[in-house]
Structure formats: C-alpha cells, structure tokens
Amino acid sequence: MYKGAFCDALCLRYGWTPPHLPTHCVCGSNKSIEHALNCKCGGFPSLRHNELRDITADLLTEICPDVQVEPTLQALS
C-alpha cells in the first residue's frame, strides 16, 4: 500500500475526512465519503470488487493451480 492509500485508509478507519477529497463527483453530486465508496461512476466499488477477486484467485491457486481471472471487457466504441 502506498503512502496516499495508507493515509486514506487511516482516515476512513477513524472517521476523518481524507485530505484532498474532491468536492464533486464525476456524476455531478456532492462528494462525501459514503458517496465515494458507493458511487458507480467513481470506480471505488469496482476497485474493491477487483481487489477481493484477485485475493481470492491468489488463495485458490494454492489449491488448484489452473485458476484464472476473467479478462476485463473492452469498451464498445
């Protein structure tokens, strides 16, 4: 975990507002900690999901060596 992520995690643990938190989200609403953790536009739900997916895949490779993570879908543009 790099320094910025550590500071943010520490703030979240103790209920403090992380420094440098933007005032508005890309979806247009005011940004709060709860909004940042739940808004699908900001990407935090996807980041948390992907982290859990990767940890699970790493643990399962110890039991079954042919575990693979599905590739990310490309944009349709």
PDB file of N, CA and C in Angstrom:
ATOM      1  N   MET A   1       0.859  -1.170   0.000  1.00  0.00           N
ATOM      2  CA  MET A   1       0.000   0.000   0.000  1.00  0.00           C
ATOM      3  C   MET A   1       0.906   1.233   0.000  1.00  0.00           C
ATOM      4  N   TYR A   2       0.658   2.136  -0.922  1.00  0.00           N
ATOM      5  CA  TYR A   2       1.487   3.328  -0.983  1.00  0.00           C
ATOM      6  C   TYR A   2       1.025   4.348   0.052  1.00  0.00           C
ATOM      7  N   LYS A   3       1.814   5.416   0.234  1.00  0.00           N
ATOM      8  CA  LYS A   3       1.591   6.369   1.315  1.00  0.00           C
ATOM      9  C   LYS A   3       0.202   7.011   1.270  1.00  0.00           C
ATOM     10  N   GLY A   4      -0.242   7.442   0.083  1.00  0.00           N
ATOM     11  CA  GLY A   4      -1.547   8.089  -0.032  1.00  0.00           C
ATOM     12  C   GLY A   4      -2.684   7.156   0.341  1.00  0.00           C
ATOM     13  N   ALA A   5      -2.608   5.906  -0.109  1.00  0.00           N
ATOM     14  CA  ALA A   5      -3.651   4.929   0.212  1.00  0.00           C
ATOM     15  C   ALA A   5      -3.654   4.620   1.704  1.00  0.00           C
ATOM     16  N   PHE A   6      -2.467   4.571   2.306  1.00  0.00           N
ATOM     17  CA  PHE A   6      -2.378   4.315   3.740  1.00  0.00           C
ATOM     18  C   PHE A   6      -3.023   5.449   4.529  1.00  0.00           C
ATOM     19  N   CYS A   7      -2.727   6.691   4.150  1.00  0.00           N
ATOM     20  CA  CYS A   7      -3.322   7.845   4.837  1.00  0.00           C
ATOM     21  C   CYS A   7      -4.838   7.856   4.686  1.00  0.00           C
ATOM     22  N   ASP A   8      -5.324   7.547   3.477  1.00  0.00           N
ATOM     23  CA  ASP A   8      -6.770   7.494   3.256  1.00  0.00           C
ATOM     24  C   ASP A   8      -7.413   6.389   4.090  1.00  0.00           C
ATOM     25  N   ALA A   9      -6.782   5.224   4.143  1.00  0.00           N
ATOM     26  CA  ALA A   9      -7.321   4.110   4.931  1.00  0.00           C
ATOM     27  C   ALA A   9      -7.347   4.459   6.416  1.00  0.00           C
ATOM     28  N   LEU A  10      -6.313   5.150   6.879  1.00  0.00           N
ATOM     29  CA  LEU A  10      -6.254   5.559   8.277  1.00  0.00           C
ATOM     30  C   LEU A  10      -7.380   6.544   8.594  1.00  0.00           C
ATOM     31  N   CYS A  11      -7.607   7.497   7.698  1.00  0.00           N
ATOM     32  CA  CYS A  11      -8.700   8.458   7.888  1.00  0.00           C
ATOM     33  C   CYS A  11     -10.049   7.752   7.923  1.00  0.00           C
ATOM     34  N   LEU A  12     -10.266   6.815   7.011  1.00  0.00           N
ATOM     35  CA  LEU A  12     -11.536   6.092   6.984  1.00  0.00           C
ATOM     36  C   LEU A  12     -11.733   5.268   8.249  1.00  0.00           C
ATOM     37  N   ARG A  13     -10.664   4.665   8.747  1.00  0.00           N
ATOM     38  CA  ARG A  13     -10.755   3.847   9.954  1.00  0.00           C
ATOM     39  C   ARG A  13     -11.211   4.674  11.154  1.00  0.00           C
ATOM     40  N   TYR A  14     -10.692   5.922  11.262  1.00  0.00           N
ATOM     41  CA  TYR A  14     -11.012   6.753  12.418  1.00  0.00           C
ATOM     42  C   TYR A  14     -12.144   7.748  12.165  1.00  0.00           C
ATOM     43  N   GLY A  15     -12.778   7.668  10.990  1.00  0.00           N
ATOM     44  CA  GLY A  15     -13.914   8.530  10.709  1.00  0.00           C
ATOM     45  C   GLY A  15     -13.549   9.953  10.336  1.00  0.00           C
ATOM     46  N   TRP A  16     -12.314  10.179   9.921  1.00  0.00           N
ATOM     47  CA  TRP A  16     -11.878  11.503   9.493  1.00  0.00           C
ATOM     48  C   TRP A  16     -12.087  11.639   7.994  1.00  0.00           C
ATOM     49  N   THR A  17     -12.224  12.873   7.528  1.00  0.00           N
ATOM     50  CA  THR A  17     -12.316  13.112   6.090  1.00  0.00           C
ATOM     51  C   THR A  17     -10.907  13.100   5.512  1.00  0.00           C
ATOM     52  N   PRO A  18     -10.656  12.290   4.502  1.00  0.00           N
ATOM     53  CA  PRO A  18      -9.316  12.250   3.906  1.00  0.00           C
ATOM     54  C   PRO A  18      -8.955  13.594   3.282  1.00  0.00           C
ATOM     55  N   PRO A  19      -7.688  13.992   3.384  1.00  0.00           N
ATOM     56  CA  PRO A  19      -7.276  15.236   2.730  1.00  0.00           C
ATOM     57  C   PRO A  19      -7.363  15.076   1.216  1.00  0.00           C
ATOM     58  N   HIS A  20      -7.558  16.162   0.532  1.00  0.00           N
ATOM     59  CA  HIS A  20      -7.594  16.193  -0.936  1.00  0.00           C
ATOM     60  C   HIS A  20      -8.794  15.446  -1.507  1.00  0.00           C
ATOM     61  N   LEU A  21      -9.869  15.274  -0.738  1.00  0.00           N
ATOM     62  CA  LEU A  21     -11.083  14.655  -1.271  1.00  0.00           C
ATOM     63  C   LEU A  21     -11.781  15.684  -2.155  1.00  0.00           C
ATOM     64  N   PRO A  22     -12.053  15.355  -3.415  1.00  0.00           N
ATOM     65  CA  PRO A  22     -12.719  16.317  -4.300  1.00  0.00           C
ATOM     66  C   PRO A  22     -14.095  16.707  -3.755  1.00  0.00           C
ATOM     67  N   THR A  23     -14.547  17.905  -4.110  1.00  0.00           N
ATOM     68  CA  THR A  23     -15.838  18.376  -3.611  1.00  0.00           C
ATOM     69  C   THR A  23     -17.005  17.830  -4.420  1.00  0.00           C
ATOM     70  N   HIS A  24     -16.779  17.501  -5.690  1.00  0.00           N
ATOM     71  CA  HIS A  24     -17.847  16.981  -6.544  1.00  0.00           C
ATOM     72  C   HIS A  24     -17.396  15.696  -7.228  1.00  0.00           C
ATOM     73  N   CYS A  25     -18.356  14.810  -7.426  1.00  0.00           N
ATOM     74  CA  CYS A  25     -18.111  13.539  -8.105  1.00  0.00           C
ATOM     75  C   CYS A  25     -18.283  13.734  -9.611  1.00  0.00           C
ATOM     76  N   VAL A  26     -17.784  12.797 -10.393  1.00  0.00           N
ATOM     77  CA  VAL A  26     -17.961  12.867 -11.842  1.00  0.00           C
ATOM     78  C   VAL A  26     -19.431  12.715 -12.237  1.00  0.00           C
ATOM     79  N   CYS A  27     -20.259  12.162 -11.352  1.00  0.00           N
ATOM     80  CA  CYS A  27     -21.688  12.035 -11.646  1.00  0.00           C
ATOM     81  C   CYS A  27     -22.430  13.343 -11.395  1.00  0.00           C
ATOM     82  N   GLY A  28     -21.754  14.341 -10.789  1.00  0.00           N
ATOM     83  CA  GLY A  28     -22.354  15.652 -10.579  1.00  0.00           C
ATOM     84  C   GLY A  28     -22.828  15.925  -9.168  1.00  0.00           C
ATOM     85  N   SER A  29     -22.897  14.940  -8.315  1.00  0.00           N
ATOM     86  CA  SER A  29     -23.369  15.167  -6.950  1.00  0.00           C
ATOM     87  C   SER A  29     -22.209  15.574  -6.048  1.00  0.00           C
ATOM     88  N   ASN A  30     -22.574  16.105  -4.872  1.00  0.00           N
ATOM     89  CA  ASN A  30     -21.548  16.460  -3.897  1.00  0.00           C
ATOM     90  C   ASN A  30     -20.869  15.193  -3.411  1.00  0.00           C
ATOM     91  N   LYS A  31     -19.575  15.282  -3.220  1.00  0.00           N
ATOM     92  CA  LYS A  31     -18.822  14.089  -2.844  1.00  0.00           C
ATOM     93  C   LYS A  31     -18.672  14.021  -1.330  1.00  0.00           C
ATOM     94  N   SER A  32     -19.109  12.930  -0.765  1.00  0.00           N
ATOM     95  CA  SER A  32     -18.881  12.620   0.641  1.00  0.00           C
ATOM     96  C   SER A  32     -18.160  11.280   0.677  1.00  0.00           C
ATOM     97  N   ILE A  33     -17.730  10.883   1.835  1.00  0.00           N
ATOM     98  CA  ILE A  33     -17.030   9.598   1.938  1.00  0.00           C
ATOM     99  C   ILE A  33     -17.970   8.460   1.562  1.00  0.00           C
ATOM    100  N   GLU A  34     -19.202   8.515   2.057  1.00  0.00           N
ATOM    101  CA  GLU A  34     -20.160   7.451   1.731  1.00  0.00           C
ATOM    102  C   GLU A  34     -20.448   7.418   0.231  1.00  0.00           C
ATOM    103  N   HIS A  35     -20.589   8.601  -0.369  1.00  0.00           N
ATOM    104  CA  HIS A  35     -20.852   8.654  -1.809  1.00  0.00           C
ATOM    105  C   HIS A  35     -19.657   8.100  -2.586  1.00  0.00           C
ATOM    106  N   ALA A  36     -18.447   8.464  -2.172  1.00  0.00           N
ATOM    107  CA  ALA A  36     -17.245   7.996  -2.875  1.00  0.00           C
ATOM    108  C   ALA A  36     -17.110   6.482  -2.820  1.00  0.00           C
ATOM    109  N   LEU A  37     -17.513   5.885  -1.724  1.00  0.00           N
ATOM    110  CA  LEU A  37     -17.388   4.435  -1.583  1.00  0.00           C
ATOM    111  C   LEU A  37     -18.493   3.668  -2.303  1.00  0.00           C
ATOM    112  N   ASN A  38     -19.605   4.339  -2.636  1.00  0.00           N
ATOM    113  CA  ASN A  38     -20.744   3.639  -3.228  1.00  0.00           C
ATOM    114  C   ASN A  38     -21.083   4.037  -4.653  1.00  0.00           C
ATOM    115  N   CYS A  39     -20.581   5.169  -5.136  1.00  0.00           N
ATOM    116  CA  CYS A  39     -20.949   5.657  -6.468  1.00  0.00           C
ATOM    117  C   CYS A  39     -20.287   4.806  -7.549  1.00  0.00           C
ATOM    118  N   LYS A  40     -21.072   4.355  -8.494  1.00  0.00           N
ATOM    119  CA  LYS A  40     -20.545   3.520  -9.569  1.00  0.00           C
ATOM    120  C   LYS A  40     -19.747   4.329 -10.584  1.00  0.00           C
ATOM    121  N   CYS A  41     -19.939   5.650 -10.615  1.00  0.00           N
ATOM    122  CA  CYS A  41     -19.180   6.492 -11.554  1.00  0.00           C
ATOM    123  C   CYS A  41     -17.734   6.665 -11.106  1.00  0.00           C
ATOM    124  N   GLY A  42     -17.508   6.679  -9.802  1.00  0.00           N
ATOM    125  CA  GLY A  42     -16.163   6.918  -9.287  1.00  0.00           C
ATOM    126  C   GLY A  42     -15.242   5.721  -9.369  1.00  0.00           C
ATOM    127  N   GLY A  43     -15.775   4.540  -9.431  1.00  0.00           N
ATOM    128  CA  GLY A  43     -14.951   3.356  -9.589  1.00  0.00           C
ATOM    129  C   GLY A  43     -14.561   2.634  -8.314  1.00  0.00           C
ATOM    130  N   PHE A  44     -14.876   3.191  -7.140  1.00  0.00           N
ATOM    131  CA  PHE A  44     -14.471   2.533  -5.904  1.00  0.00           C
ATOM    132  C   PHE A  44     -15.127   1.173  -5.705  1.00  0.00           C
ATOM    133  N   PRO A  45     -16.428   1.000  -6.022  1.00  0.00           N
ATOM    134  CA  PRO A  45     -16.990  -0.354  -5.899  1.00  0.00           C
ATOM    135  C   PRO A  45     -16.265  -1.362  -6.783  1.00  0.00           C
ATOM    136  N   SER A  46     -15.887  -0.951  -7.989  1.00  0.00           N
ATOM    137  CA  SER A  46     -15.155  -1.856  -8.884  1.00  0.00           C
ATOM    138  C   SER A  46     -13.772  -2.168  -8.341  1.00  0.00           C
ATOM    139  N   LEU A  47     -13.106  -1.153  -7.778  1.00  0.00           N
ATOM    140  CA  LEU A  47     -11.775  -1.385  -7.214  1.00  0.00           C
ATOM    141  C   LEU A  47     -11.836  -2.363  -6.050  1.00  0.00           C
ATOM    142  N   ARG A  48     -12.838  -2.186  -5.179  1.00  0.00           N
ATOM    143  CA  ARG A  48     -12.972  -3.107  -4.043  1.00  0.00           C
ATOM    144  C   ARG A  48     -13.288  -4.510  -4.533  1.00  0.00           C
ATOM    145  N   HIS A  49     -14.164  -4.627  -5.532  1.00  0.00           N
ATOM    146  CA  HIS A  49     -14.509  -5.933  -6.082  1.00  0.00           C
ATOM    147  C   HIS A  49     -13.282  -6.593  -6.690  1.00  0.00           C
ATOM    148  N   ASN A  50     -12.517  -5.851  -7.471  1.00  0.00           N
ATOM    149  CA  ASN A  50     -11.344  -6.421  -8.138  1.00  0.00           C
ATOM    150  C   ASN A  50     -10.280  -6.845  -7.137  1.00  0.00           C
ATOM    151  N   GLU A  51     -10.114  -6.080  -6.072  1.00  0.00           N
ATOM    152  CA  GLU A  51      -9.143  -6.452  -5.044  1.00  0.00           C
ATOM    153  C   GLU A  51      -9.544  -7.777  -4.394  1.00  0.00           C
ATOM    154  N   LEU A  52     -10.812  -7.914  -4.057  1.00  0.00           N
ATOM    155  CA  LEU A  52     -11.302  -9.158  -3.460  1.00  0.00           C
ATOM    156  C   LEU A  52     -11.178 -10.314  -4.442  1.00  0.00           C
ATOM    157  N   ARG A  53     -11.494 -10.071  -5.714  1.00  0.00           N
ATOM    158  CA  ARG A  53     -11.370 -11.095  -6.759  1.00  0.00           C
ATOM    159  C   ARG A  53      -9.926 -11.580  -6.873  1.00  0.00           C
ATOM    160  N   ASP A  54      -8.976 -10.642  -6.870  1.00  0.00           N
ATOM    161  CA  ASP A  54      -7.573 -11.010  -7.024  1.00  0.00           C
ATOM    162  C   ASP A  54      -7.047 -11.776  -5.813  1.00  0.00           C
ATOM    163  N   ILE A  55      -7.455 -11.364  -4.620  1.00  0.00           N
ATOM    164  CA  ILE A  55      -7.030 -12.077  -3.406  1.00  0.00           C
ATOM    165  C   ILE A  55      -7.586 -13.495  -3.415  1.00  0.00           C
ATOM    166  N   THR A  56      -8.859 -13.636  -3.780  1.00  0.00           N
ATOM    167  CA  THR A  56      -9.478 -14.960  -3.841  1.00  0.00           C
ATOM    168  C   THR A  56      -8.779 -15.845  -4.864  1.00  0.00           C
ATOM    169  N   ALA A  57      -8.466 -15.287  -6.033  1.00  0.00           N
ATOM    170  CA  ALA A  57      -7.778 -16.067  -7.067  1.00  0.00           C
ATOM    171  C   ALA A  57      -6.397 -16.499  -6.589  1.00  0.00           C
ATOM    172  N   ASP A  58      -5.680 -15.601  -5.908  1.00  0.00           N
ATOM    173  CA  ASP A  58      -4.351 -15.959  -5.401  1.00  0.00           C
ATOM    174  C   ASP A  58      -4.430 -17.089  -4.378  1.00  0.00           C
ATOM    175  N   LEU A  59      -5.414 -17.015  -3.485  1.00  0.00           N
ATOM    176  CA  LEU A  59      -5.551 -18.067  -2.477  1.00  0.00           C
ATOM    177  C   LEU A  59      -5.955 -19.396  -3.105  1.00  0.00           C
ATOM    178  N   LEU A  60      -6.826 -19.350  -4.104  1.00  0.00           N
ATOM    179  CA  LEU A  60      -7.276 -20.587  -4.735  1.00  0.00           C
ATOM    180  C   LEU A  60      -6.193 -21.246  -5.580  1.00  0.00           C
ATOM    181  N   THR A  61      -5.211 -20.481  -6.057  1.00  0.00           N
ATOM    182  CA  THR A  61      -4.139 -21.093  -6.851  1.00  0.00           C
ATOM    183  C   THR A  61      -3.283 -22.034  -6.009  1.00  0.00           C
ATOM    184  N   GLU A  62      -3.316 -21.869  -4.688  1.00  0.00           N
ATOM    185  CA  GLU A  62      -2.577 -22.796  -3.831  1.00  0.00           C
ATOM    186  C   GLU A  62      -3.234 -24.179  -3.822  1.00  0.00           C
ATOM    187  N   ILE A  63      -4.528 -24.230  -4.057  1.00  0.00           N
ATOM    188  CA  ILE A  63      -5.266 -25.492  -4.067  1.00  0.00           C
ATOM    189  C   ILE A  63      -5.399 -26.041  -5.481  1.00  0.00           C
ATOM    190  N   CYS A  64      -5.731 -25.164  -6.398  1.00  0.00           N
ATOM    191  CA  CYS A  64      -5.968 -25.556  -7.785  1.00  0.00           C
ATOM    192  C   CYS A  64      -5.145 -24.629  -8.688  1.00  0.00           C
ATOM    193  N   PRO A  65      -4.055 -25.122  -9.269  1.00  0.00           N
ATOM    194  CA  PRO A  65      -3.121 -24.245  -9.984  1.00  0.00           C
ATOM    195  C   PRO A  65      -3.643 -23.634 -11.282  1.00  0.00           C
ATOM    196  N   ASP A  66      -4.765 -24.095 -11.805  1.00  0.00           N
ATOM    197  CA  ASP A  66      -5.233 -23.548 -13.080  1.00  0.00           C
ATOM    198  C   ASP A  66      -6.322 -22.482 -12.925  1.00  0.00           C
ATOM    199  N   VAL A  67      -6.346 -21.769 -11.788  1.00  0.00           N
ATOM    200  CA  VAL A  67      -7.308 -20.688 -11.568  1.00  0.00           C
ATOM    201  C   VAL A  67      -6.927 -19.503 -12.446  1.00  0.00           C
ATOM    202  N   GLN A  68      -7.915 -18.923 -13.121  1.00  0.00           N
ATOM    203  CA  GLN A  68      -7.677 -17.748 -13.958  1.00  0.00           C
ATOM    204  C   GLN A  68      -8.705 -16.681 -13.641  1.00  0.00           C
ATOM    205  N   VAL A  69      -8.279 -15.425 -13.713  1.00  0.00           N
ATOM    206  CA  VAL A  69      -9.177 -14.290 -13.542  1.00  0.00           C
ATOM    207  C   VAL A  69      -9.680 -13.898 -14.925  1.00  0.00           C
ATOM    208  N   GLU A  70     -10.985 -13.656 -15.039  1.00  0.00           N
ATOM    209  CA  GLU A  70     -11.539 -13.270 -16.333  1.00  0.00           C
ATOM    210  C   GLU A  70     -10.947 -11.936 -16.781  1.00  0.00           C
ATOM    211  N   PRO A  71     -10.653 -11.801 -18.072  1.00  0.00           N
ATOM    212  CA  PRO A  71     -10.087 -10.538 -18.558  1.00  0.00           C
ATOM    213  C   PRO A  71     -11.129  -9.419 -18.518  1.00  0.00           C
ATOM    214  N   THR A  72     -10.651  -8.187 -18.427  1.00  0.00           N
ATOM    215  CA  THR A  72     -11.528  -7.022 -18.427  1.00  0.00           C
ATOM    216  C   THR A  72     -12.116  -6.821 -19.813  1.00  0.00           C
ATOM    217  N   LEU A  73     -13.394  -6.523 -19.876  1.00  0.00           N
ATOM    218  CA  LEU A  73     -14.053  -6.289 -21.160  1.00  0.00           C
ATOM    219  C   LEU A  73     -13.587  -4.966 -21.757  1.00  0.00           C
ATOM    220  N   GLN A  74     -13.418  -4.935 -23.056  1.00  0.00           N
ATOM    221  CA  GLN A  74     -13.014  -3.719 -23.754  1.00  0.00           C
ATOM    222  C   GLN A  74     -14.241  -2.855 -24.035  1.00  0.00           C
ATOM    223  N   ALA A  75     -14.011  -1.560 -24.186  1.00  0.00           N
ATOM    224  CA  ALA A  75     -15.100  -0.632 -24.499  1.00  0.00           C
ATOM    225  C   ALA A  75     -15.684  -0.953 -25.871  1.00  0.00           C
ATOM    226  N   LEU A  76     -16.962  -0.651 -26.058  1.00  0.00           N
ATOM    227  CA  LEU A  76     -17.644  -0.964 -27.307  1.00  0.00           C
ATOM    228  C   LEU A  76     -17.513   0.129 -28.360  1.00  0.00           C
ATOM    229  N   SER A  77     -16.722   1.129 -28.115  1.00  0.00           N
ATOM    230  CA  SER A  77     -16.616   2.245 -29.066  1.00  0.00           C
ATOM    231  C   SER A  77     -15.802   1.928 -30.287  1.00  0.00           C
TER     232      SER A  77
END
